[in-house]
Amino acid sequence: MTYTQFNILVWSLRLLAAIIMLQTLFFKFTAAPESVYIFTKLGMEPWGRIGIGSLELAAAILIIIPRTTGIGALLAVGLMAGAIFFHLTKLGIEVQGDGGQLFILATLVFTSSAVLLFIFRKEVINLIPFLHQQN
């Protein structure tokens, strides 16, 4: 893979994860009925909806900024792992007749962010002091 191809891959993954997370923020921050339903069912309405929306906004911004992509990807992986967990345990894959769209979007963000986290793993490790090897 050439450097240009690698850059295209990385930016494609960044944009996929960030755009999906940013697009869903409208529904969370405007208290759309679907979002209110989901977070009510999870017992996290409204603080969970607003809090998770804020964390998703932070993750999307961090993923887009090249110096912080790894941290944003780590945050996004955690958030989407939670979303997938709740889809599989409390919500179901299909929520209010959406055909599984929210589950698919969460899986896409999880996967793209996991690949970004792997690519930028050194960036993340360098930010965690106890993971550095001592001389």
N, C-alpha and C. Protein backbone atom coordinates (compact mmCIF):
# COMPACT_ATOMS: atom_id res chain seq x y z
N MET A 1 0.85 -1.18 0.00
CA MET A 1 0.00 0.00 0.00
C MET A 1 0.90 1.24 0.00
N THR A 2 0.63 2.15 -0.91
CA THR A 2 1.43 3.37 -0.97
C THR A 2 1.02 4.33 0.15
N TYR A 3 1.85 5.32 0.36
CA TYR A 3 1.57 6.34 1.38
C TYR A 3 0.24 7.04 1.07
N THR A 4 0.01 7.36 -0.19
CA THR A 4 -1.24 8.02 -0.60
C THR A 4 -2.45 7.13 -0.34
N GLN A 5 -2.35 5.86 -0.69
CA GLN A 5 -3.44 4.93 -0.44
C GLN A 5 -3.72 4.80 1.06
N PHE A 6 -2.64 4.75 1.85
CA PHE A 6 -2.79 4.65 3.30
C PHE A 6 -3.51 5.90 3.84
N ASN A 7 -3.11 7.07 3.37
CA ASN A 7 -3.76 8.32 3.79
C ASN A 7 -5.23 8.34 3.42
N ILE A 8 -5.55 7.86 2.24
CA ILE A 8 -6.95 7.81 1.81
C ILE A 8 -7.74 6.87 2.73
N LEU A 9 -7.14 5.73 3.06
CA LEU A 9 -7.79 4.77 3.96
C LEU A 9 -8.03 5.41 5.33
N VAL A 10 -7.01 6.03 5.88
CA VAL A 10 -7.13 6.64 7.21
C VAL A 10 -8.18 7.74 7.22
N TRP A 11 -8.16 8.61 6.22
CA TRP A 11 -9.15 9.69 6.17
C TRP A 11 -10.56 9.16 5.92
N SER A 12 -10.68 8.10 5.16
CA SER A 12 -11.99 7.48 4.95
C SER A 12 -12.55 6.94 6.26
N LEU A 13 -11.70 6.27 7.04
CA LEU A 13 -12.12 5.75 8.34
C LEU A 13 -12.48 6.88 9.29
N ARG A 14 -11.65 7.94 9.32
CA ARG A 14 -11.93 9.10 10.17
C ARG A 14 -13.30 9.70 9.83
N LEU A 15 -13.50 9.96 8.54
CA LEU A 15 -14.74 10.61 8.12
C LEU A 15 -15.96 9.72 8.35
N LEU A 16 -15.83 8.43 8.10
CA LEU A 16 -16.95 7.53 8.34
C LEU A 16 -17.38 7.59 9.81
N ALA A 17 -16.44 7.42 10.71
CA ALA A 17 -16.77 7.42 12.15
C ALA A 17 -17.30 8.79 12.58
N ALA A 18 -16.62 9.85 12.19
CA ALA A 18 -17.00 11.19 12.64
C ALA A 18 -18.36 11.61 12.08
N ILE A 19 -18.60 11.36 10.81
CA ILE A 19 -19.86 11.79 10.20
C ILE A 19 -21.04 11.06 10.84
N ILE A 20 -20.89 9.77 11.06
CA ILE A 20 -21.99 9.01 11.68
C ILE A 20 -22.27 9.55 13.08
N MET A 21 -21.21 9.75 13.88
CA MET A 21 -21.43 10.25 15.24
C MET A 21 -22.02 11.65 15.23
N LEU A 22 -21.54 12.53 14.36
CA LEU A 22 -22.05 13.90 14.30
C LEU A 22 -23.50 13.92 13.81
N GLN A 23 -23.83 13.05 12.87
CA GLN A 23 -25.20 13.00 12.33
C GLN A 23 -26.20 12.60 13.41
N THR A 24 -25.83 11.69 14.27
CA THR A 24 -26.77 11.23 15.31
C THR A 24 -26.93 12.25 16.44
N LEU A 25 -26.02 13.20 16.53
CA LEU A 25 -26.10 14.20 17.60
C LEU A 25 -27.37 15.05 17.51
N PHE A 26 -27.79 15.34 16.29
CA PHE A 26 -29.00 16.14 16.12
C PHE A 26 -30.16 15.51 16.88
N PHE A 27 -30.30 14.19 16.75
CA PHE A 27 -31.40 13.49 17.40
C PHE A 27 -31.26 13.47 18.92
N LYS A 28 -30.02 13.33 19.38
CA LYS A 28 -29.80 13.31 20.83
C LYS A 28 -30.04 14.70 21.44
N PHE A 29 -29.48 15.72 20.83
CA PHE A 29 -29.52 17.05 21.42
C PHE A 29 -30.87 17.75 21.24
N THR A 30 -31.68 17.29 20.28
CA THR A 30 -33.01 17.90 20.11
C THR A 30 -34.10 17.07 20.78
N ALA A 31 -33.71 16.06 21.51
CA ALA A 31 -34.65 15.17 22.21
C ALA A 31 -35.66 14.57 21.25
N ALA A 32 -35.15 14.08 20.12
CA ALA A 32 -36.02 13.40 19.16
C ALA A 32 -36.68 12.20 19.83
N PRO A 33 -37.92 11.91 19.50
CA PRO A 33 -38.64 10.82 20.16
C PRO A 33 -37.89 9.49 20.17
N GLU A 34 -37.16 9.18 19.10
CA GLU A 34 -36.40 7.92 19.04
C GLU A 34 -35.31 7.89 20.11
N SER A 35 -34.60 8.99 20.25
CA SER A 35 -33.54 9.06 21.26
C SER A 35 -34.10 9.02 22.67
N VAL A 36 -35.17 9.75 22.89
CA VAL A 36 -35.80 9.75 24.21
C VAL A 36 -36.28 8.34 24.55
N TYR A 37 -36.86 7.64 23.58
CA TYR A 37 -37.32 6.26 23.78
C TYR A 37 -36.16 5.36 24.20
N ILE A 38 -35.06 5.44 23.44
CA ILE A 38 -33.90 4.58 23.71
C ILE A 38 -33.36 4.83 25.11
N PHE A 39 -33.11 6.08 25.44
CA PHE A 39 -32.49 6.37 26.73
C PHE A 39 -33.46 6.19 27.90
N THR A 40 -34.75 6.32 27.65
CA THR A 40 -35.75 6.01 28.68
C THR A 40 -35.73 4.51 28.96
N LYS A 41 -35.68 3.71 27.91
CA LYS A 41 -35.64 2.25 28.05
C LYS A 41 -34.39 1.81 28.80
N LEU A 42 -33.30 2.56 28.65
CA LEU A 42 -32.05 2.23 29.34
C LEU A 42 -31.99 2.84 30.75
N GLY A 43 -32.99 3.64 31.10
CA GLY A 43 -32.99 4.31 32.40
C GLY A 43 -31.96 5.42 32.50
N MET A 44 -31.68 6.06 31.36
CA MET A 44 -30.63 7.08 31.31
C MET A 44 -31.12 8.40 30.69
N GLU A 45 -32.41 8.62 30.71
CA GLU A 45 -32.96 9.84 30.11
C GLU A 45 -33.16 10.89 31.19
N PRO A 46 -32.75 12.12 31.02
CA PRO A 46 -32.10 12.74 29.86
C PRO A 46 -30.57 12.80 29.98
N TRP A 47 -30.06 12.58 31.19
CA TRP A 47 -28.61 12.79 31.41
C TRP A 47 -27.76 11.88 30.54
N GLY A 48 -28.18 10.65 30.30
CA GLY A 48 -27.41 9.74 29.46
C GLY A 48 -27.40 10.18 28.02
N ARG A 49 -28.54 10.63 27.54
CA ARG A 49 -28.65 11.09 26.15
C ARG A 49 -27.74 12.28 25.91
N ILE A 50 -27.80 13.24 26.81
CA ILE A 50 -26.99 14.46 26.65
C ILE A 50 -25.51 14.16 26.90
N GLY A 51 -25.23 13.37 27.93
CA GLY A 51 -23.84 13.04 28.25
C GLY A 51 -23.17 12.22 27.17
N ILE A 52 -23.85 11.20 26.69
CA ILE A 52 -23.27 10.38 25.63
C ILE A 52 -23.16 11.18 24.34
N GLY A 53 -24.14 12.02 24.07
CA GLY A 53 -24.04 12.89 22.89
C GLY A 53 -22.82 13.80 22.97
N SER A 54 -22.56 14.34 24.16
CA SER A 54 -21.39 15.20 24.34
C SER A 54 -20.09 14.42 24.14
N LEU A 55 -20.05 13.20 24.65
CA LEU A 55 -18.86 12.36 24.47
C LEU A 55 -18.67 11.98 23.00
N GLU A 56 -19.77 11.73 22.30
CA GLU A 56 -19.67 11.42 20.87
C GLU A 56 -19.18 12.63 20.08
N LEU A 57 -19.61 13.82 20.46
CA LEU A 57 -19.12 15.04 19.83
C LEU A 57 -17.61 15.16 20.04
N ALA A 58 -17.17 14.95 21.26
CA ALA A 58 -15.73 15.01 21.56
C ALA A 58 -14.97 13.95 20.76
N ALA A 59 -15.48 12.74 20.70
CA ALA A 59 -14.81 11.66 19.95
C ALA A 59 -14.70 12.01 18.47
N ALA A 60 -15.77 12.54 17.90
CA ALA A 60 -15.76 12.90 16.48
C ALA A 60 -14.72 13.97 16.19
N ILE A 61 -14.66 14.99 17.05
CA ILE A 61 -13.68 16.06 16.85
C ILE A 61 -12.26 15.52 16.99
N LEU A 62 -12.03 14.71 18.03
CA LEU A 62 -10.70 14.15 18.26
C LEU A 62 -10.27 13.23 17.11
N ILE A 63 -11.19 12.49 16.55
CA ILE A 63 -10.85 11.60 15.43
C ILE A 63 -10.43 12.40 14.20
N ILE A 64 -11.08 13.51 13.95
CA ILE A 64 -10.76 14.32 12.76
C ILE A 64 -9.40 15.01 12.88
N ILE A 65 -9.02 15.41 14.08
CA ILE A 65 -7.73 16.09 14.28
C ILE A 65 -6.62 15.05 14.23
N PRO A 66 -5.70 15.15 13.27
CA PRO A 66 -4.68 14.11 13.12
C PRO A 66 -3.87 13.80 14.39
N ARG A 67 -3.54 14.79 15.19
CA ARG A 67 -2.73 14.54 16.39
C ARG A 67 -3.49 13.80 17.49
N THR A 68 -4.83 13.80 17.41
CA THR A 68 -5.61 13.19 18.48
C THR A 68 -6.51 12.05 17.98
N THR A 69 -6.24 11.57 16.80
CA THR A 69 -7.07 10.51 16.22
C THR A 69 -7.14 9.28 17.12
N GLY A 70 -6.02 8.87 17.66
CA GLY A 70 -5.99 7.67 18.50
C GLY A 70 -6.85 7.80 19.74
N ILE A 71 -6.80 8.96 20.39
CA ILE A 71 -7.61 9.19 21.59
C ILE A 71 -9.09 9.21 21.23
N GLY A 72 -9.43 9.88 20.14
CA GLY A 72 -10.82 9.90 19.69
C GLY A 72 -11.32 8.51 19.33
N ALA A 73 -10.46 7.73 18.69
CA ALA A 73 -10.83 6.37 18.32
C ALA A 73 -11.04 5.51 19.57
N LEU A 74 -10.19 5.67 20.57
CA LEU A 74 -10.35 4.94 21.83
C LEU A 74 -11.69 5.28 22.48
N LEU A 75 -12.01 6.56 22.53
CA LEU A 75 -13.28 7.01 23.10
C LEU A 75 -14.46 6.45 22.29
N ALA A 76 -14.37 6.52 20.97
CA ALA A 76 -15.45 6.02 20.12
C ALA A 76 -15.64 4.51 20.26
N VAL A 77 -14.55 3.77 20.36
CA VAL A 77 -14.65 2.32 20.54
C VAL A 77 -15.40 2.02 21.84
N GLY A 78 -15.06 2.73 22.90
CA GLY A 78 -15.76 2.53 24.17
C GLY A 78 -17.23 2.87 24.09
N LEU A 79 -17.54 4.01 23.49
CA LEU A 79 -18.94 4.41 23.36
C LEU A 79 -19.74 3.43 22.50
N MET A 80 -19.17 3.01 21.40
CA MET A 80 -19.89 2.09 20.51
C MET A 80 -19.97 0.69 21.09
N ALA A 81 -18.99 0.29 21.87
CA ALA A 81 -19.09 -1.00 22.56
C ALA A 81 -20.30 -0.98 23.49
N GLY A 82 -20.50 0.14 24.18
CA GLY A 82 -21.67 0.30 25.03
C GLY A 82 -22.96 0.27 24.23
N ALA A 83 -22.99 0.96 23.09
CA ALA A 83 -24.18 0.98 22.25
C ALA A 83 -24.51 -0.42 21.74
N ILE A 84 -23.50 -1.13 21.27
CA ILE A 84 -23.71 -2.49 20.77
C ILE A 84 -24.18 -3.40 21.90
N PHE A 85 -23.56 -3.27 23.07
CA PHE A 85 -23.96 -4.06 24.23
C PHE A 85 -25.45 -3.86 24.54
N PHE A 86 -25.89 -2.61 24.59
CA PHE A 86 -27.28 -2.34 24.92
C PHE A 86 -28.24 -2.79 23.82
N HIS A 87 -27.79 -2.73 22.56
CA HIS A 87 -28.63 -3.26 21.48
C HIS A 87 -28.81 -4.77 21.65
N LEU A 88 -27.75 -5.44 22.05
CA LEU A 88 -27.82 -6.90 22.16
C LEU A 88 -28.51 -7.37 23.44
N THR A 89 -28.58 -6.50 24.46
CA THR A 89 -29.13 -6.94 25.74
C THR A 89 -30.49 -6.34 26.08
N LYS A 90 -30.71 -5.05 25.81
CA LYS A 90 -31.94 -4.39 26.25
C LYS A 90 -32.80 -3.84 25.13
N LEU A 91 -32.17 -3.36 24.08
CA LEU A 91 -32.92 -2.66 23.03
C LEU A 91 -33.36 -3.57 21.89
N GLY A 92 -32.54 -4.54 21.58
CA GLY A 92 -32.74 -5.34 20.37
C GLY A 92 -32.01 -4.70 19.21
N ILE A 93 -31.74 -5.50 18.21
CA ILE A 93 -31.03 -4.98 17.04
C ILE A 93 -31.90 -3.97 16.31
N GLU A 94 -33.18 -4.27 16.21
CA GLU A 94 -34.12 -3.34 15.59
C GLU A 94 -34.83 -2.55 16.68
N VAL A 95 -34.79 -1.23 16.56
CA VAL A 95 -35.41 -0.34 17.55
C VAL A 95 -36.51 0.46 16.86
N GLN A 96 -37.70 0.31 17.34
CA GLN A 96 -38.86 1.03 16.80
C GLN A 96 -38.96 0.94 15.28
N GLY A 97 -38.76 -0.25 14.76
CA GLY A 97 -38.93 -0.48 13.32
C GLY A 97 -37.89 0.16 12.43
N ASP A 98 -36.68 0.40 12.96
CA ASP A 98 -35.64 1.04 12.14
C ASP A 98 -34.89 0.06 11.24
N GLY A 99 -35.27 -1.22 11.28
CA GLY A 99 -34.60 -2.20 10.43
C GLY A 99 -33.17 -2.49 10.86
N GLY A 100 -32.82 -2.12 12.08
CA GLY A 100 -31.46 -2.35 12.58
C GLY A 100 -30.48 -1.27 12.19
N GLN A 101 -30.97 -0.15 11.68
CA GLN A 101 -30.08 0.91 11.19
C GLN A 101 -29.17 1.45 12.28
N LEU A 102 -29.70 1.72 13.47
CA LEU A 102 -28.85 2.25 14.55
C LEU A 102 -27.78 1.25 14.94
N PHE A 103 -28.14 -0.02 14.99
CA PHE A 103 -27.17 -1.07 15.31
C PHE A 103 -26.07 -1.13 14.25
N ILE A 104 -26.47 -1.06 12.99
CA ILE A 104 -25.48 -1.09 11.89
C ILE A 104 -24.55 0.12 11.97
N LEU A 105 -25.11 1.30 12.24
CA LEU A 105 -24.28 2.51 12.36
C LEU A 105 -23.30 2.38 13.52
N ALA A 106 -23.77 1.86 14.65
CA ALA A 106 -22.87 1.67 15.80
C ALA A 106 -21.76 0.69 15.46
N THR A 107 -22.10 -0.36 14.72
CA THR A 107 -21.10 -1.35 14.32
C THR A 107 -20.08 -0.76 13.35
N LEU A 108 -20.55 0.08 12.43
CA LEU A 108 -19.62 0.75 11.50
C LEU A 108 -18.67 1.68 12.23
N VAL A 109 -19.20 2.46 13.18
CA VAL A 109 -18.33 3.37 13.95
C VAL A 109 -17.35 2.56 14.79
N PHE A 110 -17.84 1.50 15.43
CA PHE A 110 -16.96 0.65 16.24
C PHE A 110 -15.83 0.09 15.39
N THR A 111 -16.16 -0.47 14.24
CA THR A 111 -15.16 -1.11 13.39
C THR A 111 -14.15 -0.10 12.85
N SER A 112 -14.63 1.01 12.32
CA SER A 112 -13.70 2.01 11.77
C SER A 112 -12.83 2.60 12.87
N SER A 113 -13.40 2.82 14.04
CA SER A 113 -12.63 3.37 15.16
C SER A 113 -11.62 2.35 15.70
N ALA A 114 -12.00 1.07 15.69
CA ALA A 114 -11.06 0.03 16.14
C ALA A 114 -9.86 -0.05 15.21
N VAL A 115 -10.09 0.08 13.91
CA VAL A 115 -8.97 0.07 12.95
C VAL A 115 -8.11 1.31 13.17
N LEU A 116 -8.73 2.47 13.37
CA LEU A 116 -7.95 3.68 13.65
C LEU A 116 -7.16 3.54 14.95
N LEU A 117 -7.78 2.95 15.96
CA LEU A 117 -7.08 2.74 17.22
C LEU A 117 -5.86 1.86 17.02
N PHE A 118 -5.99 0.83 16.21
CA PHE A 118 -4.85 -0.03 15.92
C PHE A 118 -3.75 0.75 15.19
N ILE A 119 -4.14 1.52 14.20
CA ILE A 119 -3.16 2.30 13.43
C ILE A 119 -2.45 3.31 14.32
N PHE A 120 -3.18 3.96 15.23
CA PHE A 120 -2.61 5.02 16.07
C PHE A 120 -2.35 4.56 17.49
N ARG A 121 -2.13 3.26 17.68
CA ARG A 121 -1.94 2.71 19.02
C ARG A 121 -0.74 3.31 19.75
N LYS A 122 0.33 3.64 19.03
CA LYS A 122 1.51 4.22 19.68
C LYS A 122 1.19 5.59 20.26
N GLU A 123 0.35 6.35 19.56
CA GLU A 123 -0.07 7.66 20.07
C GLU A 123 -0.79 7.50 21.41
N VAL A 124 -1.65 6.52 21.50
CA VAL A 124 -2.41 6.30 22.73
C VAL A 124 -1.49 5.80 23.84
N ILE A 125 -0.63 4.85 23.53
CA ILE A 125 0.30 4.30 24.53
C ILE A 125 1.21 5.39 25.06
N ASN A 126 1.66 6.29 24.20
CA ASN A 126 2.56 7.37 24.63
C ASN A 126 1.89 8.35 25.59
N LEU A 127 0.56 8.40 25.58
CA LEU A 127 -0.16 9.31 26.48
C LEU A 127 -0.45 8.69 27.85
N ILE A 128 -0.18 7.41 27.98
CA ILE A 128 -0.46 6.72 29.24
C ILE A 128 0.87 6.38 29.89
N PRO A 129 1.27 7.17 30.90
CA PRO A 129 2.62 7.04 31.46
C PRO A 129 2.98 5.64 31.97
N PHE A 130 2.06 4.93 32.60
CA PHE A 130 2.43 3.65 33.18
C PHE A 130 2.62 2.55 32.12
N LEU A 131 2.29 2.84 30.86
CA LEU A 131 2.54 1.87 29.80
C LEU A 131 3.92 2.02 29.18
N HIS A 132 4.61 3.09 29.53
CA HIS A 132 5.98 3.27 29.02
C HIS A 132 6.90 2.30 29.72
N GLN A 133 7.86 1.78 28.98
CA GLN A 133 8.85 0.90 29.59
C GLN A 133 9.85 1.76 30.35
N GLN A 134 10.19 1.31 31.52
CA GLN A 134 11.18 2.02 32.34
C GLN A 134 12.58 1.52 32.00
N ASN A 135 13.54 2.43 31.90
CA ASN A 135 14.94 2.04 31.61
C ASN A 135 15.67 1.72 32.86
